[in-house]
N, C-alpha and C. Protein backbone atom coordinates (compact mmCIF):
# COMPACT_ATOMS: atom_id res chain seq x y z
N MET A 1 -68.43 16.57 56.68
CA MET A 1 -67.77 17.35 55.64
C MET A 1 -66.32 16.85 55.50
N THR A 2 -65.91 16.62 54.28
CA THR A 2 -64.57 16.11 54.01
C THR A 2 -63.57 17.26 53.97
N ARG A 3 -62.50 17.12 54.74
CA ARG A 3 -61.45 18.14 54.73
C ARG A 3 -60.54 17.90 53.54
N SER A 4 -60.31 18.95 52.77
CA SER A 4 -59.41 18.88 51.64
C SER A 4 -58.10 19.57 52.03
N HIS A 5 -57.01 18.97 51.60
CA HIS A 5 -55.69 19.48 51.96
C HIS A 5 -54.83 19.48 50.69
N LYS A 6 -54.08 20.54 50.49
CA LYS A 6 -53.18 20.60 49.34
C LYS A 6 -51.76 20.40 49.83
N LEU A 7 -51.05 19.49 49.18
CA LEU A 7 -49.67 19.19 49.51
C LEU A 7 -48.82 19.48 48.28
N THR A 8 -47.84 20.35 48.43
CA THR A 8 -46.93 20.69 47.34
C THR A 8 -45.57 20.07 47.62
N LEU A 9 -45.10 19.25 46.69
CA LEU A 9 -43.77 18.66 46.81
C LEU A 9 -42.79 19.46 45.98
N SER A 10 -41.63 19.74 46.56
CA SER A 10 -40.60 20.46 45.81
C SER A 10 -39.34 19.62 45.65
N ASP A 11 -39.19 18.57 46.47
CA ASP A 11 -38.04 17.68 46.31
C ASP A 11 -38.34 16.67 45.20
N ASP A 12 -37.29 16.09 44.66
CA ASP A 12 -37.44 15.10 43.61
C ASP A 12 -38.11 13.84 44.15
N LEU A 13 -38.84 13.17 43.29
CA LEU A 13 -39.46 11.89 43.61
C LEU A 13 -38.57 10.80 43.04
N THR A 14 -37.44 10.59 43.70
CA THR A 14 -36.47 9.60 43.25
C THR A 14 -36.12 8.66 44.39
N ILE A 15 -35.40 7.62 44.07
CA ILE A 15 -34.98 6.65 45.07
C ILE A 15 -34.20 7.32 46.20
N TYR A 16 -33.51 8.40 45.89
CA TYR A 16 -32.69 9.10 46.88
C TYR A 16 -33.53 9.83 47.93
N HIS A 17 -34.77 10.13 47.60
CA HIS A 17 -35.67 10.86 48.51
C HIS A 17 -36.88 10.02 48.90
N ALA A 18 -36.90 8.75 48.50
CA ALA A 18 -38.11 7.93 48.64
C ALA A 18 -38.59 7.80 50.09
N VAL A 19 -37.68 7.57 51.03
CA VAL A 19 -38.10 7.37 52.42
C VAL A 19 -38.76 8.64 52.96
N GLU A 20 -38.13 9.80 52.73
CA GLU A 20 -38.69 11.06 53.23
C GLU A 20 -40.00 11.39 52.53
N GLN A 21 -40.04 11.18 51.20
CA GLN A 21 -41.24 11.52 50.44
C GLN A 21 -42.40 10.60 50.84
N LYS A 22 -42.13 9.33 51.11
CA LYS A 22 -43.19 8.42 51.54
C LYS A 22 -43.81 8.91 52.84
N LYS A 23 -42.96 9.31 53.79
CA LYS A 23 -43.47 9.83 55.06
C LYS A 23 -44.32 11.07 54.84
N THR A 24 -43.84 11.97 53.99
CA THR A 24 -44.57 13.22 53.70
C THR A 24 -45.91 12.93 53.06
N LEU A 25 -45.91 12.05 52.06
CA LEU A 25 -47.15 11.74 51.34
C LEU A 25 -48.17 11.06 52.25
N LEU A 26 -47.74 10.07 53.02
CA LEU A 26 -48.68 9.36 53.89
C LEU A 26 -49.18 10.24 55.03
N ALA A 27 -48.33 11.13 55.53
CA ALA A 27 -48.77 12.08 56.56
C ALA A 27 -49.80 13.05 55.97
N GLY A 28 -49.57 13.50 54.76
CA GLY A 28 -50.54 14.38 54.10
C GLY A 28 -51.87 13.70 53.91
N LEU A 29 -51.84 12.44 53.53
CA LEU A 29 -53.07 11.66 53.36
C LEU A 29 -53.79 11.48 54.70
N ALA A 30 -53.04 11.20 55.74
CA ALA A 30 -53.64 10.99 57.06
C ALA A 30 -54.30 12.26 57.58
N ALA A 31 -53.77 13.42 57.20
CA ALA A 31 -54.27 14.69 57.71
C ALA A 31 -55.48 15.21 56.94
N ALA A 32 -55.86 14.54 55.87
CA ALA A 32 -56.90 15.08 55.01
C ALA A 32 -57.94 14.02 54.68
N GLY A 33 -59.13 14.51 54.35
CA GLY A 33 -60.12 13.64 53.76
C GLY A 33 -59.81 13.44 52.30
N ASP A 34 -59.58 14.53 51.62
CA ASP A 34 -59.18 14.53 50.22
C ASP A 34 -57.84 15.26 50.13
N LEU A 35 -56.93 14.71 49.37
CA LEU A 35 -55.60 15.30 49.23
C LEU A 35 -55.39 15.75 47.80
N LYS A 36 -55.02 17.01 47.64
CA LYS A 36 -54.66 17.56 46.33
C LYS A 36 -53.14 17.67 46.30
N LEU A 37 -52.53 16.96 45.36
CA LEU A 37 -51.08 16.85 45.30
C LEU A 37 -50.55 17.69 44.15
N ASP A 38 -49.71 18.67 44.47
CA ASP A 38 -49.10 19.56 43.49
C ASP A 38 -47.66 19.11 43.25
N LEU A 39 -47.40 18.62 42.05
CA LEU A 39 -46.06 18.13 41.69
C LEU A 39 -45.38 19.04 40.67
N ALA A 40 -45.84 20.26 40.55
CA ALA A 40 -45.31 21.18 39.53
C ALA A 40 -43.83 21.51 39.75
N GLN A 41 -43.34 21.41 40.99
CA GLN A 41 -41.94 21.77 41.28
C GLN A 41 -41.00 20.57 41.30
N VAL A 42 -41.52 19.38 41.04
CA VAL A 42 -40.69 18.16 41.05
C VAL A 42 -39.89 18.12 39.74
N SER A 43 -38.56 18.22 39.86
CA SER A 43 -37.74 18.27 38.64
C SER A 43 -37.28 16.90 38.18
N GLU A 44 -37.29 15.90 39.07
CA GLU A 44 -36.90 14.54 38.68
C GLU A 44 -37.82 13.53 39.33
N ILE A 45 -38.13 12.48 38.58
CA ILE A 45 -38.92 11.37 39.11
C ILE A 45 -38.39 10.10 38.46
N ASP A 46 -38.32 9.04 39.24
CA ASP A 46 -37.91 7.74 38.70
C ASP A 46 -38.97 6.71 39.08
N THR A 47 -38.67 5.44 38.86
CA THR A 47 -39.67 4.42 39.14
C THR A 47 -40.02 4.36 40.63
N ALA A 48 -39.09 4.69 41.50
CA ALA A 48 -39.40 4.73 42.93
C ALA A 48 -40.45 5.80 43.20
N GLY A 49 -40.33 6.94 42.55
CA GLY A 49 -41.31 8.01 42.70
C GLY A 49 -42.67 7.62 42.15
N LEU A 50 -42.68 6.95 41.01
CA LEU A 50 -43.94 6.47 40.46
C LEU A 50 -44.59 5.46 41.39
N GLN A 51 -43.79 4.59 41.99
CA GLN A 51 -44.32 3.62 42.95
C GLN A 51 -44.94 4.32 44.15
N LEU A 52 -44.33 5.42 44.59
CA LEU A 52 -44.89 6.17 45.71
C LEU A 52 -46.26 6.75 45.35
N LEU A 53 -46.39 7.26 44.13
CA LEU A 53 -47.68 7.81 43.71
C LEU A 53 -48.74 6.72 43.63
N ILE A 54 -48.37 5.56 43.13
CA ILE A 54 -49.31 4.43 43.07
C ILE A 54 -49.69 3.99 44.48
N LEU A 55 -48.70 3.89 45.36
CA LEU A 55 -48.96 3.53 46.76
C LEU A 55 -49.93 4.52 47.39
N LEU A 56 -49.69 5.80 47.19
CA LEU A 56 -50.55 6.83 47.77
C LEU A 56 -51.98 6.68 47.29
N LYS A 57 -52.16 6.44 46.00
CA LYS A 57 -53.51 6.26 45.45
C LYS A 57 -54.19 5.03 46.07
N LYS A 58 -53.44 3.94 46.19
CA LYS A 58 -54.02 2.71 46.77
C LYS A 58 -54.36 2.89 48.24
N GLU A 59 -53.49 3.54 48.99
CA GLU A 59 -53.76 3.80 50.41
C GLU A 59 -54.99 4.69 50.57
N ALA A 60 -55.14 5.66 49.68
CA ALA A 60 -56.30 6.54 49.74
C ALA A 60 -57.58 5.75 49.48
N ARG A 61 -57.57 4.91 48.45
CA ARG A 61 -58.75 4.10 48.15
C ARG A 61 -59.10 3.19 49.33
N ALA A 62 -58.10 2.58 49.93
CA ALA A 62 -58.33 1.68 51.06
C ALA A 62 -58.94 2.42 52.25
N ALA A 63 -58.59 3.69 52.39
CA ALA A 63 -59.09 4.49 53.51
C ALA A 63 -60.38 5.25 53.16
N GLY A 64 -60.88 5.06 51.93
CA GLY A 64 -62.08 5.77 51.52
C GLY A 64 -61.84 7.24 51.26
N LYS A 65 -60.61 7.58 50.90
CA LYS A 65 -60.24 8.97 50.63
C LYS A 65 -59.92 9.13 49.15
N ARG A 66 -59.69 10.36 48.75
CA ARG A 66 -59.37 10.66 47.35
C ARG A 66 -58.09 11.47 47.29
N VAL A 67 -57.21 11.07 46.38
CA VAL A 67 -55.99 11.83 46.08
C VAL A 67 -56.07 12.29 44.64
N SER A 68 -55.89 13.57 44.42
CA SER A 68 -55.88 14.14 43.07
C SER A 68 -54.55 14.83 42.84
N ILE A 69 -53.90 14.48 41.75
CA ILE A 69 -52.70 15.21 41.36
C ILE A 69 -53.18 16.39 40.54
N VAL A 70 -52.98 17.60 41.08
CA VAL A 70 -53.57 18.79 40.47
C VAL A 70 -52.59 19.57 39.60
N ALA A 71 -51.31 19.25 39.67
CA ALA A 71 -50.31 19.89 38.81
C ALA A 71 -49.14 18.93 38.64
N HIS A 72 -48.66 18.84 37.41
CA HIS A 72 -47.57 17.93 37.07
C HIS A 72 -46.43 18.74 36.45
N SER A 73 -45.20 18.48 36.88
CA SER A 73 -44.06 19.07 36.19
C SER A 73 -43.86 18.32 34.88
N LYS A 74 -43.02 18.85 34.02
CA LYS A 74 -42.73 18.18 32.76
C LYS A 74 -42.14 16.80 33.01
N ALA A 75 -41.25 16.69 34.00
CA ALA A 75 -40.63 15.40 34.31
C ALA A 75 -41.67 14.39 34.77
N VAL A 76 -42.61 14.81 35.59
CA VAL A 76 -43.64 13.92 36.09
C VAL A 76 -44.55 13.48 34.95
N ARG A 77 -44.97 14.43 34.12
CA ARG A 77 -45.82 14.08 32.96
C ARG A 77 -45.12 13.09 32.06
N SER A 78 -43.85 13.34 31.77
CA SER A 78 -43.08 12.46 30.88
C SER A 78 -42.97 11.05 31.44
N ALA A 79 -42.69 10.93 32.73
CA ALA A 79 -42.55 9.60 33.35
C ALA A 79 -43.88 8.86 33.35
N ILE A 80 -44.96 9.55 33.66
CA ILE A 80 -46.29 8.92 33.67
C ILE A 80 -46.65 8.45 32.26
N GLU A 81 -46.41 9.30 31.27
CA GLU A 81 -46.71 8.93 29.89
C GLU A 81 -45.82 7.79 29.42
N PHE A 82 -44.53 7.86 29.71
CA PHE A 82 -43.58 6.82 29.26
C PHE A 82 -43.95 5.45 29.83
N CYS A 83 -44.38 5.42 31.09
CA CYS A 83 -44.72 4.16 31.74
C CYS A 83 -46.20 3.81 31.57
N ASN A 84 -46.93 4.63 30.82
CA ASN A 84 -48.34 4.38 30.53
C ASN A 84 -49.15 4.21 31.82
N LEU A 85 -48.96 5.15 32.75
CA LEU A 85 -49.62 5.07 34.06
C LEU A 85 -50.74 6.09 34.24
N ALA A 86 -51.10 6.82 33.20
CA ALA A 86 -52.13 7.84 33.35
C ALA A 86 -53.44 7.23 33.83
N ALA A 87 -53.82 6.09 33.28
CA ALA A 87 -55.08 5.45 33.71
C ALA A 87 -54.97 4.94 35.14
N GLU A 88 -53.83 4.39 35.50
CA GLU A 88 -53.62 3.87 36.87
C GLU A 88 -53.73 4.98 37.91
N LEU A 89 -53.15 6.13 37.58
CA LEU A 89 -53.17 7.24 38.53
C LEU A 89 -54.50 8.00 38.48
N GLY A 90 -55.17 7.97 37.32
CA GLY A 90 -56.52 8.47 37.22
C GLY A 90 -56.71 9.97 37.23
N ASP A 91 -55.67 10.75 37.00
CA ASP A 91 -55.81 12.21 37.00
C ASP A 91 -55.41 12.76 35.63
N PRO A 92 -56.09 13.81 35.16
CA PRO A 92 -55.62 14.44 33.93
C PRO A 92 -54.22 15.02 34.14
N LEU A 93 -53.39 14.93 33.11
CA LEU A 93 -52.04 15.48 33.22
C LEU A 93 -52.11 16.98 33.06
N VAL A 94 -51.88 17.70 34.15
CA VAL A 94 -52.03 19.14 34.20
C VAL A 94 -50.67 19.80 34.14
N ASP A 95 -50.49 20.67 33.17
CA ASP A 95 -49.26 21.43 33.00
C ASP A 95 -49.51 22.85 33.49
N PRO A 96 -49.02 23.21 34.68
CA PRO A 96 -49.30 24.55 35.21
C PRO A 96 -48.73 25.67 34.34
N ALA A 97 -47.63 25.41 33.65
CA ALA A 97 -47.04 26.43 32.79
C ALA A 97 -47.95 26.72 31.59
N ALA A 98 -48.55 25.68 31.04
CA ALA A 98 -49.46 25.85 29.91
C ALA A 98 -50.73 26.56 30.34
N ASP A 99 -51.19 26.28 31.55
CA ASP A 99 -52.39 26.92 32.05
C ASP A 99 -52.18 28.42 32.29
N ALA A 100 -50.94 28.81 32.61
CA ALA A 100 -50.62 30.21 32.88
C ALA A 100 -50.51 31.02 31.59
N ALA A 101 -50.20 30.34 30.49
CA ALA A 101 -49.99 31.03 29.21
C ALA A 101 -51.28 31.46 28.58
């Protein structure tokens, strides 16, 4: 049975937090069979943050695991759309605020 784990990030996914966020993301992946990533509270993301998300997806595939981004903040959605990475990341862009309305 695959263990599923939900990881909620509240710090920004920027170059300023990249080292800490990388450790958090990879530890979350190591602790789970499947990782559900909640980014609804991330207020800023830059290319370093996008690289971390791509890295996490690639590490999961290499380990035979699955990472799903289950909630996206407006900033995360905008960055993914602007860089045309929706297909690379492979998750529907979920707006938790819209789902609550």
